């Protein structure tokens, strides 16, 4: 699986990048044919003092693409929330294919 992590309006530290990579590797237990994973980490409301942390994940598998977005006060929490939603989408798609 190709993993592409992009950060917008900030530079991510190694701890955050390692967290994202470790969690993405676990996706292979839910779908074994993941081609590519794109992760976008960005700061929302840059002009205001309160900055929300947005995590977007796009996963490409043969004949399908999954996309999720989550926004919280920390990148780890945003990413984890988005990942849980993504896992739910993958499970639902697998159930549809099996039926």
PDB file of N, CA and C in Angstrom:
ATOM      1  N   UNK A   1       0.843  -1.177   0.000  1.00  0.00           N
ATOM      2  CA  UNK A   1       0.000   0.000   0.000  1.00  0.00           C
ATOM      3  C   UNK A   1       0.890   1.243   0.000  1.00  0.00           C
ATOM      4  N   UNK A   2       0.622   2.147  -0.934  1.00  0.00           N
ATOM      5  CA  UNK A   2       1.305   3.436  -0.961  1.00  0.00           C
ATOM      6  C   UNK A   2       0.633   4.374   0.028  1.00  0.00           C
ATOM      7  N   UNK A   3       1.426   5.006   0.875  1.00  0.00           N
ATOM      8  CA  UNK A   3       0.896   5.957   1.843  1.00  0.00           C
ATOM      9  C   UNK A   3       1.472   7.332   1.541  1.00  0.00           C
ATOM     10  N   UNK A   4       0.580   8.310   1.378  1.00  0.00           N
ATOM     11  CA  UNK A   4       0.984   9.680   1.110  1.00  0.00           C
ATOM     12  C   UNK A   4       0.381  10.564   2.199  1.00  0.00           C
ATOM     13  N   UNK A   5       1.230  11.231   2.972  1.00  0.00           N
ATOM     14  CA  UNK A   5       0.768  12.114   4.045  1.00  0.00           C
ATOM     15  C   UNK A   5       1.127  13.543   3.672  1.00  0.00           C
ATOM     16  N   UNK A   6       0.107  14.407   3.603  1.00  0.00           N
ATOM     17  CA  UNK A   6       0.331  15.813   3.285  1.00  0.00           C
ATOM     18  C   UNK A   6      -0.149  16.673   4.442  1.00  0.00           C
ATOM     19  N   UNK A   7       0.645  17.671   4.772  1.00  0.00           N
ATOM     20  CA  UNK A   7       0.260  18.603   5.824  1.00  0.00           C
ATOM     21  C   UNK A   7       0.062  19.977   5.196  1.00  0.00           C
ATOM     22  N   UNK A   8      -0.975  20.667   5.642  1.00  0.00           N
ATOM     23  CA  UNK A   8      -1.318  21.975   5.101  1.00  0.00           C
ATOM     24  C   UNK A   8      -1.278  23.000   6.234  1.00  0.00           C
ATOM     25  N   UNK A   9      -0.558  24.078   6.046  1.00  0.00           N
ATOM     26  CA  UNK A   9      -0.439  25.187   7.009  1.00  0.00           C
ATOM     27  C   UNK A   9       0.376  24.853   8.257  1.00  0.00           C
ATOM     28  N   UNK A  10       1.109  23.735   8.253  1.00  0.00           N
ATOM     29  CA  UNK A  10       1.986  23.412   9.384  1.00  0.00           C
ATOM     30  C   UNK A  10       2.941  22.297   8.960  1.00  0.00           C
ATOM     31  N   UNK A  11       3.927  22.020   9.811  1.00  0.00           N
ATOM     32  CA  UNK A  11       4.856  20.915   9.585  1.00  0.00           C
ATOM     33  C   UNK A  11       4.635  19.878  10.681  1.00  0.00           C
ATOM     34  N   UNK A  12       4.392  18.650  10.274  1.00  0.00           N
ATOM     35  CA  UNK A  12       4.103  17.584  11.248  1.00  0.00           C
ATOM     36  C   UNK A  12       5.394  17.066  11.871  1.00  0.00           C
ATOM     37  N   UNK A  13       5.317  16.716  13.146  1.00  0.00           N
ATOM     38  CA  UNK A  13       6.472  16.122  13.813  1.00  0.00           C
ATOM     39  C   UNK A  13       6.501  14.617  13.545  1.00  0.00           C
ATOM     40  N   UNK A  14       7.606  13.991  13.852  1.00  0.00           N
ATOM     41  CA  UNK A  14       7.804  12.562  13.567  1.00  0.00           C
ATOM     42  C   UNK A  14       6.812  11.696  14.347  1.00  0.00           C
ATOM     43  N   UNK A  15       6.454  12.117  15.551  1.00  0.00           N
ATOM     44  CA  UNK A  15       5.520  11.348  16.375  1.00  0.00           C
ATOM     45  C   UNK A  15       4.153  11.236  15.686  1.00  0.00           C
ATOM     46  N   UNK A  16       3.672  12.336  15.105  1.00  0.00           N
ATOM     47  CA  UNK A  16       2.385  12.334  14.410  1.00  0.00           C
ATOM     48  C   UNK A  16       2.446  11.468  13.149  1.00  0.00           C
ATOM     49  N   UNK A  17       3.520  11.579  12.392  1.00  0.00           N
ATOM     50  CA  UNK A  17       3.690  10.785  11.171  1.00  0.00           C
ATOM     51  C   UNK A  17       3.746   9.295  11.518  1.00  0.00           C
ATOM     52  N   UNK A  18       4.470   8.935  12.573  1.00  0.00           N
ATOM     53  CA  UNK A  18       4.550   7.534  13.005  1.00  0.00           C
ATOM     54  C   UNK A  18       3.186   7.015  13.443  1.00  0.00           C
ATOM     55  N   UNK A  19       2.424   7.858  14.149  1.00  0.00           N
ATOM     56  CA  UNK A  19       1.081   7.485  14.596  1.00  0.00           C
ATOM     57  C   UNK A  19       0.185   7.168  13.402  1.00  0.00           C
ATOM     58  N   UNK A  20       0.208   8.038  12.404  1.00  0.00           N
ATOM     59  CA  UNK A  20      -0.608   7.854  11.195  1.00  0.00           C
ATOM     60  C   UNK A  20      -0.196   6.581  10.459  1.00  0.00           C
ATOM     61  N   UNK A  21       1.106   6.387  10.258  1.00  0.00           N
ATOM     62  CA  UNK A  21       1.582   5.196   9.538  1.00  0.00           C
ATOM     63  C   UNK A  21       1.223   3.906  10.264  1.00  0.00           C
ATOM     64  N   UNK A  22       1.382   3.897  11.580  1.00  0.00           N
ATOM     65  CA  UNK A  22       1.086   2.689  12.356  1.00  0.00           C
ATOM     66  C   UNK A  22      -0.392   2.326  12.261  1.00  0.00           C
ATOM     67  N   UNK A  23      -1.258   3.322  12.359  1.00  0.00           N
ATOM     68  CA  UNK A  23      -2.696   3.067  12.290  1.00  0.00           C
ATOM     69  C   UNK A  23      -3.109   2.628  10.886  1.00  0.00           C
ATOM     70  N   UNK A  24      -2.504   3.220   9.856  1.00  0.00           N
ATOM     71  CA  UNK A  24      -2.865   2.857   8.486  1.00  0.00           C
ATOM     72  C   UNK A  24      -2.472   1.424   8.156  1.00  0.00           C
ATOM     73  N   UNK A  25      -1.389   0.938   8.738  1.00  0.00           N
ATOM     74  CA  UNK A  25      -0.973  -0.441   8.477  1.00  0.00           C
ATOM     75  C   UNK A  25      -2.021  -1.443   8.975  1.00  0.00           C
ATOM     76  N   UNK A  26      -2.783  -1.062   9.996  1.00  0.00           N
ATOM     77  CA  UNK A  26      -3.813  -1.944  10.538  1.00  0.00           C
ATOM     78  C   UNK A  26      -5.010  -2.070   9.603  1.00  0.00           C
ATOM     79  N   UNK A  27      -5.143  -1.171   8.626  1.00  0.00           N
ATOM     80  CA  UNK A  27      -6.255  -1.242   7.684  1.00  0.00           C
ATOM     81  C   UNK A  27      -6.220  -2.510   6.838  1.00  0.00           C
ATOM     82  N   UNK A  28      -5.047  -3.073   6.658  1.00  0.00           N
ATOM     83  CA  UNK A  28      -4.934  -4.275   5.826  1.00  0.00           C
ATOM     84  C   UNK A  28      -5.684  -5.460   6.442  1.00  0.00           C
ATOM     85  N   UNK A  29      -6.006  -5.400   7.732  1.00  0.00           N
ATOM     86  CA  UNK A  29      -6.790  -6.476   8.345  1.00  0.00           C
ATOM     87  C   UNK A  29      -8.256  -6.405   7.913  1.00  0.00           C
ATOM     88  N   UNK A  30      -8.705  -5.223   7.474  1.00  0.00           N
ATOM     89  CA  UNK A  30     -10.096  -5.053   7.062  1.00  0.00           C
ATOM     90  C   UNK A  30     -10.275  -5.189   5.550  1.00  0.00           C
ATOM     91  N   UNK A  31      -9.248  -4.811   4.789  1.00  0.00           N
ATOM     92  CA  UNK A  31      -9.305  -4.953   3.337  1.00  0.00           C
ATOM     93  C   UNK A  31      -7.894  -5.262   2.848  1.00  0.00           C
ATOM     94  N   UNK A  32      -7.750  -6.384   2.154  1.00  0.00           N
ATOM     95  CA  UNK A  32      -6.408  -6.833   1.776  1.00  0.00           C
ATOM     96  C   UNK A  32      -5.925  -6.286   0.436  1.00  0.00           C
ATOM     97  N   UNK A  33      -6.747  -5.515  -0.274  1.00  0.00           N
ATOM     98  CA  UNK A  33      -6.349  -5.031  -1.595  1.00  0.00           C
ATOM     99  C   UNK A  33      -6.295  -3.504  -1.669  1.00  0.00           C
ATOM    100  N   UNK A  34      -5.855  -2.862  -0.614  1.00  0.00           N
ATOM    101  CA  UNK A  34      -5.734  -1.404  -0.615  1.00  0.00           C
ATOM    102  C   UNK A  34      -4.553  -1.009  -1.493  1.00  0.00           C
ATOM    103  N   UNK A  35      -4.822  -0.139  -2.457  1.00  0.00           N
ATOM    104  CA  UNK A  35      -3.793   0.293  -3.397  1.00  0.00           C
ATOM    105  C   UNK A  35      -3.041   1.504  -2.842  1.00  0.00           C
ATOM    106  N   UNK A  36      -3.810   2.507  -2.406  1.00  0.00           N
ATOM    107  CA  UNK A  36      -3.199   3.773  -2.021  1.00  0.00           C
ATOM    108  C   UNK A  36      -3.980   4.407  -0.878  1.00  0.00           C
ATOM    109  N   UNK A  37      -3.257   5.070   0.005  1.00  0.00           N
ATOM    110  CA  UNK A  37      -3.868   5.821   1.098  1.00  0.00           C
ATOM    111  C   UNK A  37      -3.318   7.239   1.084  1.00  0.00           C
ATOM    112  N   UNK A  38      -4.210   8.208   0.982  1.00  0.00           N
ATOM    113  CA  UNK A  38      -3.828   9.617   1.047  1.00  0.00           C
ATOM    114  C   UNK A  38      -4.376  10.205   2.339  1.00  0.00           C
ATOM    115  N   UNK A  39      -3.502  10.828   3.121  1.00  0.00           N
ATOM    116  CA  UNK A  39      -3.903  11.452   4.375  1.00  0.00           C
ATOM    117  C   UNK A  39      -3.574  12.933   4.280  1.00  0.00           C
ATOM    118  N   UNK A  40      -4.557  13.764   4.563  1.00  0.00           N
ATOM    119  CA  UNK A  40      -4.368  15.211   4.566  1.00  0.00           C
ATOM    120  C   UNK A  40      -4.617  15.717   5.976  1.00  0.00           C
ATOM    121  N   UNK A  41      -3.607  16.326   6.553  1.00  0.00           N
ATOM    122  CA  UNK A  41      -3.720  16.925   7.881  1.00  0.00           C
ATOM    123  C   UNK A  41      -3.618  18.428   7.701  1.00  0.00           C
ATOM    124  N   UNK A  42      -4.650  19.144   8.143  1.00  0.00           N
ATOM    125  CA  UNK A  42      -4.608  20.586   7.942  1.00  0.00           C
ATOM    126  C   UNK A  42      -5.219  21.351   9.101  1.00  0.00           C
ATOM    127  N   UNK A  43      -4.797  22.584   9.199  1.00  0.00           N
ATOM    128  CA  UNK A  43      -5.340  23.491  10.201  1.00  0.00           C
ATOM    129  C   UNK A  43      -6.497  24.244   9.554  1.00  0.00           C
ATOM    130  N   UNK A  44      -7.640  24.237  10.227  1.00  0.00           N
ATOM    131  CA  UNK A  44      -8.797  24.969   9.739  1.00  0.00           C
ATOM    132  C   UNK A  44      -8.895  26.275  10.520  1.00  0.00           C
ATOM    133  N   UNK A  45      -9.567  27.261   9.969  1.00  0.00           N
ATOM    134  CA  UNK A  45      -9.734  28.572  10.612  1.00  0.00           C
ATOM    135  C   UNK A  45      -8.389  29.206  10.940  1.00  0.00           C
ATOM    136  N   UNK A  46      -7.513  29.254   9.961  1.00  0.00           N
ATOM    137  CA  UNK A  46      -6.174  29.795  10.181  1.00  0.00           C
ATOM    138  C   UNK A  46      -6.224  31.276  10.553  1.00  0.00           C
ATOM    139  N   UNK A  47      -7.220  32.012  10.057  1.00  0.00           N
ATOM    140  CA  UNK A  47      -7.289  33.445  10.334  1.00  0.00           C
ATOM    141  C   UNK A  47      -7.762  33.744  11.757  1.00  0.00           C
ATOM    142  N   UNK A  48      -8.420  32.789  12.390  1.00  0.00           N
ATOM    143  CA  UNK A  48      -8.893  32.988  13.759  1.00  0.00           C
ATOM    144  C   UNK A  48      -7.866  32.446  14.748  1.00  0.00           C
ATOM    145  N   UNK A  49      -8.051  32.765  16.016  1.00  0.00           N
ATOM    146  CA  UNK A  49      -7.131  32.263  17.031  1.00  0.00           C
ATOM    147  C   UNK A  49      -7.367  30.780  17.319  1.00  0.00           C
ATOM    148  N   UNK A  50      -8.612  30.322  17.207  1.00  0.00           N
ATOM    149  CA  UNK A  50      -8.935  28.914  17.457  1.00  0.00           C
ATOM    150  C   UNK A  50      -8.700  28.138  16.168  1.00  0.00           C
ATOM    151  N   UNK A  51      -7.809  27.168  16.246  1.00  0.00           N
ATOM    152  CA  UNK A  51      -7.488  26.380  15.060  1.00  0.00           C
ATOM    153  C   UNK A  51      -7.978  24.953  15.260  1.00  0.00           C
ATOM    154  N   UNK A  52      -8.905  24.540  14.409  1.00  0.00           N
ATOM    155  CA  UNK A  52      -9.357  23.153  14.441  1.00  0.00           C
ATOM    156  C   UNK A  52      -8.403  22.314  13.615  1.00  0.00           C
ATOM    157  N   UNK A  53      -8.187  21.078  14.062  1.00  0.00           N
ATOM    158  CA  UNK A  53      -7.302  20.163  13.349  1.00  0.00           C
ATOM    159  C   UNK A  53      -8.167  19.224  12.512  1.00  0.00           C
ATOM    160  N   UNK A  54      -7.947  19.231  11.202  1.00  0.00           N
ATOM    161  CA  UNK A  54      -8.748  18.443  10.273  1.00  0.00           C
ATOM    162  C   UNK A  54      -7.899  17.300   9.738  1.00  0.00           C
ATOM    163  N   UNK A  55      -8.483  16.105   9.737  1.00  0.00           N
ATOM    164  CA  UNK A  55      -7.836  14.935   9.146  1.00  0.00           C
ATOM    165  C   UNK A  55      -8.760  14.392   8.066  1.00  0.00           C
ATOM    166  N   UNK A  56      -8.222  14.231   6.861  1.00  0.00           N
ATOM    167  CA  UNK A  56      -8.970  13.645   5.758  1.00  0.00           C
ATOM    168  C   UNK A  56      -8.207  12.417   5.290  1.00  0.00           C
ATOM    169  N   UNK A  57      -8.930  11.329   5.053  1.00  0.00           N
ATOM    170  CA  UNK A  57      -8.297  10.089   4.588  1.00  0.00           C
ATOM    171  C   UNK A  57      -9.035   9.621   3.341  1.00  0.00           C
ATOM    172  N   UNK A  58      -8.284   9.331   2.295  1.00  0.00           N
ATOM    173  CA  UNK A  58      -8.841   8.746   1.079  1.00  0.00           C
ATOM    174  C   UNK A  58      -8.109   7.437   0.824  1.00  0.00           C
ATOM    175  N   UNK A  59      -8.883   6.364   0.717  1.00  0.00           N
ATOM    176  CA  UNK A  59      -8.337   5.029   0.466  1.00  0.00           C
ATOM    177  C   UNK A  59      -8.846   4.554  -0.892  1.00  0.00           C
ATOM    178  N   UNK A  60      -7.934   4.083  -1.720  1.00  0.00           N
ATOM    179  CA  UNK A  60      -8.308   3.542  -3.021  1.00  0.00           C
ATOM    180  C   UNK A  60      -8.125   2.034  -3.014  1.00  0.00           C
ATOM    181  N   UNK A  61      -9.194   1.332  -3.372  1.00  0.00           N
ATOM    182  CA  UNK A  61      -9.165  -0.117  -3.554  1.00  0.00           C
ATOM    183  C   UNK A  61      -9.695  -0.376  -4.959  1.00  0.00           C
ATOM    184  N   UNK A  62      -9.488  -1.567  -5.509  1.00  0.00           N
ATOM    185  CA  UNK A  62      -9.997  -1.831  -6.857  1.00  0.00           C
ATOM    186  C   UNK A  62     -11.504  -1.566  -6.961  1.00  0.00           C
ATOM    187  N   UNK A  63     -11.893  -0.755  -7.918  1.00  0.00           N
ATOM    188  CA  UNK A  63     -13.281  -0.410  -8.240  1.00  0.00           C
ATOM    189  C   UNK A  63     -14.006   0.368  -7.151  1.00  0.00           C
ATOM    190  N   UNK A  64     -13.284   0.929  -6.184  1.00  0.00           N
ATOM    191  CA  UNK A  64     -13.952   1.703  -5.148  1.00  0.00           C
ATOM    192  C   UNK A  64     -12.965   2.661  -4.480  1.00  0.00           C
ATOM    193  N   UNK A  65     -13.512   3.737  -3.930  1.00  0.00           N
ATOM    194  CA  UNK A  65     -12.706   4.703  -3.195  1.00  0.00           C
ATOM    195  C   UNK A  65     -13.479   5.109  -1.944  1.00  0.00           C
ATOM    196  N   UNK A  66     -12.777   5.217  -0.829  1.00  0.00           N
ATOM    197  CA  UNK A  66     -13.395   5.621   0.430  1.00  0.00           C
ATOM    198  C   UNK A  66     -12.816   6.966   0.845  1.00  0.00           C
ATOM    199  N   UNK A  67     -13.673   7.847   1.396  1.00  0.00           N
ATOM    200  CA  UNK A  67     -13.201   9.146   1.858  1.00  0.00           C
ATOM    201  C   UNK A  67     -13.883   9.487   3.166  1.00  0.00           C
ATOM    202  N   UNK A  68     -13.086   9.942   4.137  1.00  0.00           N
ATOM    203  CA  UNK A  68     -13.630  10.393   5.422  1.00  0.00           C
ATOM    204  C   UNK A  68     -12.918  11.669   5.851  1.00  0.00           C
ATOM    205  N   UNK A  69     -13.615  12.437   6.680  1.00  0.00           N
ATOM    206  CA  UNK A  69     -13.054  13.694   7.189  1.00  0.00           C
ATOM    207  C   UNK A  69     -13.511  13.858   8.626  1.00  0.00           C
ATOM    208  N   UNK A  70     -12.594  14.283   9.486  1.00  0.00           N
ATOM    209  CA  UNK A  70     -12.938  14.533  10.887  1.00  0.00           C
ATOM    210  C   UNK A  70     -12.221  15.794  11.353  1.00  0.00           C
ATOM    211  N   UNK A  71     -12.863  16.501  12.280  1.00  0.00           N
ATOM    212  CA  UNK A  71     -12.321  17.766  12.773  1.00  0.00           C
ATOM    213  C   UNK A  71     -12.481  17.816  14.293  1.00  0.00           C
ATOM    214  N   UNK A  72     -11.358  17.890  15.002  1.00  0.00           N
ATOM    215  CA  UNK A  72     -11.367  18.022  16.465  1.00  0.00           C
ATOM    216  C   UNK A  72     -10.259  18.991  16.871  1.00  0.00           C
ATOM    217  N   UNK A  73      -9.910  18.975  18.139  1.00  0.00           N
ATOM    218  CA  UNK A  73      -8.894  19.898  18.649  1.00  0.00           C
ATOM    219  C   UNK A  73      -7.476  19.344  18.609  1.00  0.00           C
ATOM    220  N   UNK A  74      -7.300  18.055  18.226  1.00  0.00           N
ATOM    221  CA  UNK A  74      -5.944  17.511  18.089  1.00  0.00           C
ATOM    222  C   UNK A  74      -5.881  16.620  16.852  1.00  0.00           C
ATOM    223  N   UNK A  75      -4.714  16.543  16.243  1.00  0.00           N
ATOM    224  CA  UNK A  75      -4.564  15.753  15.028  1.00  0.00           C
ATOM    225  C   UNK A  75      -4.736  14.267  15.281  1.00  0.00           C
ATOM    226  N   UNK A  76      -4.206  13.759  16.395  1.00  0.00           N
ATOM    227  CA  UNK A  76      -4.349  12.333  16.694  1.00  0.00           C
ATOM    228  C   UNK A  76      -5.824  11.968  16.840  1.00  0.00           C
ATOM    229  N   UNK A  77      -6.564  12.776  17.563  1.00  0.00           N
ATOM    230  CA  UNK A  77      -7.986  12.513  17.767  1.00  0.00           C
ATOM    231  C   UNK A  77      -8.758  12.609  16.453  1.00  0.00           C
ATOM    232  N   UNK A  78      -8.455  13.604  15.637  1.00  0.00           N
ATOM    233  CA  UNK A  78      -9.108  13.755  14.335  1.00  0.00           C
ATOM    234  C   UNK A  78      -8.821  12.550  13.455  1.00  0.00           C
ATOM    235  N   UNK A  79      -7.557  12.134  13.410  1.00  0.00           N
ATOM    236  CA  UNK A  79      -7.179  11.001  12.577  1.00  0.00           C
ATOM    237  C   UNK A  79      -7.845   9.719  13.060  1.00  0.00           C
ATOM    238  N   UNK A  80      -7.837   9.486  14.379  1.00  0.00           N
ATOM    239  CA  UNK A  80      -8.443   8.276  14.925  1.00  0.00           C
ATOM    240  C   UNK A  80      -9.947   8.231  14.654  1.00  0.00           C
ATOM    241  N   UNK A  81     -10.629   9.361  14.790  1.00  0.00           N
ATOM    242  CA  UNK A  81     -12.062   9.431  14.510  1.00  0.00           C
ATOM    243  C   UNK A  81     -12.337   9.134  13.038  1.00  0.00           C
ATOM    244  N   UNK A  82     -11.537   9.732  12.168  1.00  0.00           N
ATOM    245  CA  UNK A  82     -11.702   9.491  10.732  1.00  0.00           C
ATOM    246  C   UNK A  82     -11.428   8.031  10.400  1.00  0.00           C
ATOM    247  N   UNK A  83     -10.418   7.453  11.025  1.00  0.00           N
ATOM    248  CA  UNK A  83     -10.068   6.055  10.762  1.00  0.00           C
ATOM    249  C   UNK A  83     -11.189   5.104  11.185  1.00  0.00           C
ATOM    250  N   UNK A  84     -11.819   5.376  12.339  1.00  0.00           N
ATOM    251  CA  UNK A  84     -12.940   4.551  12.782  1.00  0.00           C
ATOM    252  C   UNK A  84     -14.080   4.608  11.770  1.00  0.00           C
ATOM    253  N   UNK A  85     -14.366   5.795  11.257  1.00  0.00           N
ATOM    254  CA  UNK A  85     -15.406   5.957  10.252  1.00  0.00           C
ATOM    255  C   UNK A  85     -15.041   5.226   8.964  1.00  0.00           C
ATOM    256  N   UNK A  86     -13.782   5.281   8.599  1.00  0.00           N
ATOM    257  CA  UNK A  86     -13.303   4.595   7.397  1.00  0.00           C
ATOM    258  C   UNK A  86     -13.450   3.079   7.536  1.00  0.00           C
ATOM    259  N   UNK A  87     -13.109   2.539   8.696  1.00  0.00           N
ATOM    260  CA  UNK A  87     -13.239   1.108   8.940  1.00  0.00           C
ATOM    261  C   UNK A  87     -14.700   0.685   8.833  1.00  0.00           C
ATOM    262  N   UNK A  88     -15.606   1.507   9.346  1.00  0.00           N
ATOM    263  CA  UNK A  88     -17.039   1.228   9.232  1.00  0.00           C
ATOM    264  C   UNK A  88     -17.463   1.179   7.772  1.00  0.00           C
ATOM    265  N   UNK A  89     -16.992   2.141   6.963  1.00  0.00           N
ATOM    266  CA  UNK A  89     -17.316   2.153   5.535  1.00  0.00           C
ATOM    267  C   UNK A  89     -16.799   0.901   4.839  1.00  0.00           C
ATOM    268  N   UNK A  90     -15.580   0.509   5.153  1.00  0.00           N
ATOM    269  CA  UNK A  90     -14.987  -0.684   4.517  1.00  0.00           C
ATOM    270  C   UNK A  90     -15.788  -1.929   4.885  1.00  0.00           C
ATOM    271  N   UNK A  91     -16.184  -2.049   6.158  1.00  0.00           N
ATOM    272  CA  UNK A  91     -16.958  -3.204   6.593  1.00  0.00           C
ATOM    273  C   UNK A  91     -18.307  -3.261   5.878  1.00  0.00           C
ATOM    274  N   UNK A  92     -18.969  -2.110   5.741  1.00  0.00           N
ATOM    275  CA  UNK A  92     -20.257  -2.070   5.057  1.00  0.00           C
ATOM    276  C   UNK A  92     -20.115  -2.474   3.585  1.00  0.00           C
ATOM    277  N   UNK A  93     -19.054  -2.001   2.948  1.00  0.00           N
ATOM    278  CA  UNK A  93     -18.821  -2.335   1.540  1.00  0.00           C
ATOM    279  C   UNK A  93     -18.573  -3.835   1.391  1.00  0.00           C
ATOM    280  N   UNK A  94     -17.817  -4.414   2.304  1.00  0.00           N
ATOM    281  CA  UNK A  94     -17.553  -5.860   2.247  1.00  0.00           C
ATOM    282  C   UNK A  94     -18.830  -6.664   2.444  1.00  0.00           C
ATOM    283  N   UNK A  95     -19.718  -6.194   3.340  1.00  0.00           N
ATOM    284  CA  UNK A  95     -20.990  -6.878   3.548  1.00  0.00           C
ATOM    285  C   UNK A  95     -21.859  -6.824   2.300  1.00  0.00           C
ATOM    286  N   UNK A  96     -21.850  -5.673   1.606  1.00  0.00           N
ATOM    287  CA  UNK A  96     -22.615  -5.539   0.363  1.00  0.00           C
ATOM    288  C   UNK A  96     -22.089  -6.495  -0.704  1.00  0.00           C
ATOM    289  N   UNK A  97     -20.764  -6.615  -0.799  1.00  0.00           N
ATOM    290  CA  UNK A  97     -20.168  -7.496  -1.800  1.00  0.00           C
ATOM    291  C   UNK A  97     -20.465  -8.955  -1.480  1.00  0.00           C
ATOM    292  N   UNK A  98     -20.511  -9.291  -0.194  1.00  0.00           N
ATOM    293  CA  UNK A  98     -20.748 -10.688   0.192  1.00  0.00           C
ATOM    294  C   UNK A  98     -22.207 -11.078  -0.049  1.00  0.00           C
ATOM    295  N   UNK A  99     -23.109 -10.109   0.043  1.00  0.00           N
ATOM    296  CA  UNK A  99     -24.540 -10.411  -0.125  1.00  0.00           C
ATOM    297  C   UNK A  99     -24.941 -10.562  -1.580  1.00  0.00           C
TER     298      UNK A  99
END
